[in-house]
Amino acid sequence: MSSSTSFPSPPTREQLLAVTDRYLTAFANNKTHPMFMLTFFSTIYPVTIQHYPSSSTHPQASLLRGPNAVRSYFDLLATHWTRTAVHQRTIDVDPLTRTVILEGSVTWKWKKSGRSWVEEFTCTLTFDELLKIVSYAVRTDSPLKTCLMRAKDTDDDHVLSKTLTASRDSVWFSR
């Protein structure tokens, strides 16, 4: 009697692209409930999520683990920002590792102030055998201040203008 171990065959490139497209479509829709986003993530393997600037010397410090981290990430997005103009292009699909890498950009807008900015990124998605996300990593390729996880709702030009005016006025008053 022989015992055979059956390993699942790798998904096709088309299957990986289809599940990635479904995820990105849900992500791009501001009306998608954060809890629905959890349905794209694995329940049989530990999941990780990471969103960091490319200039980070320790990107592993932004690595979050578990379904609560995933839920918190999407709750944070839904609470503070809307997104428009989500563009992406696939740069690599590897069925053997079940990984999809894409580059893209998204315009984020603060719900409170209405200020917006564009984040350019590289996103790596790794899937389990059921084509659920096990690893979600977003590296911001645009300047540090455009990284969503480093975003501040301030008008830098306005702050700079006030600083310059205050400096000019104090010089003027000191004469």
Protein backbone atom coordinates (compact mmCIF):
# COMPACT_ATOMS: atom_id res chain seq x y z
CA MET A 1 0.00 0.00 0.00
CA SER A 2 1.51 3.29 -1.00
CA SER A 3 0.74 6.60 0.48
CA SER A 4 0.61 9.59 -1.80
CA THR A 5 0.60 13.18 -0.81
CA SER A 6 -1.35 15.49 -3.03
CA PHE A 7 -0.11 19.04 -3.43
CA PRO A 8 -2.40 21.62 -4.95
CA SER A 9 -1.31 22.71 -8.39
CA PRO A 10 -0.28 26.33 -8.70
CA PRO A 11 -2.95 28.73 -9.89
CA THR A 12 -2.79 30.03 -13.41
CA ARG A 13 -1.58 33.50 -14.22
CA GLU A 14 -5.15 34.37 -15.26
CA GLN A 15 -6.56 33.20 -11.91
CA LEU A 16 -4.08 35.38 -10.01
CA LEU A 17 -4.85 38.39 -12.20
CA ALA A 18 -8.61 37.85 -11.78
CA VAL A 19 -8.49 37.70 -7.97
CA THR A 20 -6.14 40.71 -7.91
CA ASP A 21 -8.56 42.63 -10.10
CA ARG A 22 -11.50 41.77 -7.81
CA TYR A 23 -9.52 42.96 -4.79
CA LEU A 24 -8.44 46.21 -6.48
CA THR A 25 -11.98 46.91 -7.69
CA ALA A 26 -13.29 46.60 -4.12
CA PHE A 27 -10.38 48.67 -2.80
CA ALA A 28 -10.98 51.48 -5.31
CA ASN A 29 -14.67 51.74 -4.36
CA ASN A 30 -15.10 54.10 -1.40
CA LYS A 31 -18.45 52.47 -0.65
CA THR A 32 -16.87 49.07 0.02
CA HIS A 33 -17.29 48.35 3.72
CA PRO A 34 -13.99 47.72 5.56
CA MET A 35 -15.32 44.37 6.85
CA PHE A 36 -15.89 43.22 3.26
CA MET A 37 -12.19 43.79 2.54
CA LEU A 38 -11.43 41.04 5.05
CA THR A 39 -13.04 38.49 2.73
CA PHE A 40 -10.02 38.83 0.43
CA PHE A 41 -7.62 37.71 3.16
CA SER A 42 -6.64 34.20 4.25
CA THR A 43 -8.31 32.56 7.21
CA ILE A 44 -6.08 29.48 7.12
CA TYR A 45 -2.66 31.20 7.27
CA PRO A 46 -1.36 34.11 9.33
CA VAL A 47 -1.77 37.32 7.35
CA THR A 48 0.56 40.30 7.20
CA ILE A 49 -0.06 43.81 6.02
CA GLN A 50 2.52 46.50 5.46
CA HIS A 51 2.41 50.06 4.11
CA TYR A 52 5.69 51.97 4.22
CA PRO A 53 7.72 54.64 2.41
CA SER A 54 10.53 53.44 0.14
CA SER A 55 12.95 55.61 2.13
CA SER A 56 12.29 53.62 5.30
CA THR A 57 15.49 52.11 6.67
CA HIS A 58 13.46 49.57 8.67
CA PRO A 59 10.37 48.67 6.63
CA GLN A 60 9.82 45.58 8.80
CA ALA A 61 8.86 47.97 11.63
CA SER A 62 5.61 48.69 9.74
CA LEU A 63 4.73 45.00 9.40
CA LEU A 64 1.40 44.21 11.05
CA ARG A 65 0.08 40.70 11.64
CA GLY A 66 -3.31 39.09 11.93
CA PRO A 67 -6.91 39.76 10.93
CA ASN A 68 -7.27 42.57 13.49
CA ALA A 69 -4.39 44.43 11.84
CA VAL A 70 -6.04 44.04 8.43
CA ARG A 71 -9.38 45.23 9.80
CA SER A 72 -7.75 48.20 11.54
CA TYR A 73 -5.95 49.19 8.33
CA PHE A 74 -9.18 49.29 6.31
CA ASP A 75 -11.08 50.98 9.18
CA LEU A 76 -8.39 53.68 9.23
CA LEU A 77 -8.71 54.21 5.49
CA ALA A 78 -12.51 54.39 5.64
CA THR A 79 -12.46 56.80 8.59
CA HIS A 80 -10.04 59.41 7.27
CA TRP A 81 -9.76 59.29 3.46
CA THR A 82 -11.51 58.76 0.20
CA ARG A 83 -9.64 57.55 -2.84
CA THR A 84 -10.03 58.36 -6.49
CA ALA A 85 -8.08 57.79 -9.64
CA VAL A 86 -6.71 54.40 -8.62
CA HIS A 87 -4.45 53.30 -11.46
CA GLN A 88 -2.33 50.18 -11.62
CA ARG A 89 -0.34 48.05 -13.98
CA THR A 90 0.85 44.54 -13.30
CA ILE A 91 4.61 44.14 -13.51
CA ASP A 92 4.98 40.51 -12.43
CA VAL A 93 2.83 37.43 -11.83
CA ASP A 94 4.43 34.28 -10.43
CA PRO A 95 2.04 31.32 -10.19
CA LEU A 96 4.61 29.15 -8.36
CA THR A 97 4.85 31.59 -5.43
CA ARG A 98 1.27 32.85 -5.96
CA THR A 99 2.56 36.41 -6.03
CA VAL A 100 1.41 39.46 -8.00
CA ILE A 101 3.43 42.68 -8.09
CA LEU A 102 1.93 45.85 -9.46
CA GLU A 103 2.79 49.52 -9.68
CA GLY A 104 0.20 52.20 -9.39
CA SER A 105 -1.00 55.49 -8.08
CA VAL A 106 -3.96 56.62 -6.05
CA THR A 107 -5.30 60.05 -5.20
CA TRP A 108 -6.12 60.23 -1.49
CA LYS A 109 -8.39 62.93 -0.08
CA TRP A 110 -8.81 63.83 3.58
CA LYS A 111 -12.49 63.62 4.55
CA LYS A 112 -12.10 66.44 7.07
CA SER A 113 -10.30 69.12 5.07
CA GLY A 114 -10.73 67.98 1.49
CA ARG A 115 -6.97 68.22 0.87
CA SER A 116 -5.66 65.61 -1.52
CA TRP A 117 -2.40 64.16 -2.78
CA VAL A 118 -1.15 61.40 -5.07
CA GLU A 119 0.65 58.36 -3.74
CA GLU A 120 2.69 56.30 -6.21
CA PHE A 121 3.36 52.76 -5.02
CA THR A 122 4.51 49.24 -5.66
CA CYS A 123 2.19 46.61 -4.20
CA THR A 124 3.05 42.95 -3.64
CA LEU A 125 0.23 40.50 -3.01
CA THR A 126 0.90 36.89 -2.04
CA PHE A 127 -1.97 34.40 -2.01
CA ASP A 128 -2.71 31.06 -0.33
CA GLU A 129 -4.03 27.97 -2.13
CA LEU A 130 -7.57 29.34 -1.97
CA LEU A 131 -6.39 32.58 -3.62
CA LYS A 132 -6.84 34.62 -0.44
CA ILE A 133 -4.23 37.24 0.45
CA VAL A 134 -1.60 36.12 2.97
CA SER A 135 0.76 39.05 2.50
CA TYR A 136 -0.13 42.59 1.43
CA ALA A 137 2.78 44.99 1.14
CA VAL A 138 2.55 48.54 -0.20
CA ARG A 139 5.78 50.47 -0.71
CA THR A 140 5.29 54.17 -1.41
CA ASP A 141 7.64 55.15 -4.24
CA SER A 142 6.72 58.85 -4.31
CA PRO A 143 8.13 61.29 -1.69
CA LEU A 144 7.85 60.39 2.01
CA LYS A 145 5.05 62.88 2.70
CA THR A 146 2.83 61.04 0.16
CA CYS A 147 2.92 57.74 2.08
CA LEU A 148 -0.59 57.18 3.40
CA MET A 149 0.70 55.91 6.74
CA ARG A 150 2.70 59.13 7.20
CA ALA A 151 -0.02 61.51 5.99
CA LYS A 152 -0.69 64.72 7.87
CA ASP A 153 -3.68 66.94 7.25
CA THR A 154 -1.76 70.20 6.98
CA ASP A 155 -1.34 72.72 4.24
CA ASP A 156 2.45 72.95 3.99
CA ASP A 157 2.32 76.02 1.72
CA HIS A 158 0.02 77.79 4.19
CA VAL A 159 2.28 76.94 7.15
CA LEU A 160 5.37 78.04 5.20
CA SER A 161 3.67 81.27 4.17
CA LYS A 162 2.73 82.06 7.82
CA THR A 163 6.30 81.31 8.93
CA LEU A 164 7.80 83.59 6.30
CA THR A 165 5.31 86.36 7.08
CA ALA A 166 6.00 86.09 10.81
CA SER A 167 9.76 86.22 10.17
CA ARG A 168 9.41 89.24 7.87
CA ASP A 169 7.11 91.03 10.34
CA SER A 170 9.45 90.46 13.29
CA VAL A 171 12.37 91.84 11.25
CA TRP A 172 10.27 94.83 10.24
CA PHE A 173 9.22 95.50 13.85
CA SER A 174 12.76 95.21 15.15
CA ARG A 175 14.08 98.07 12.98
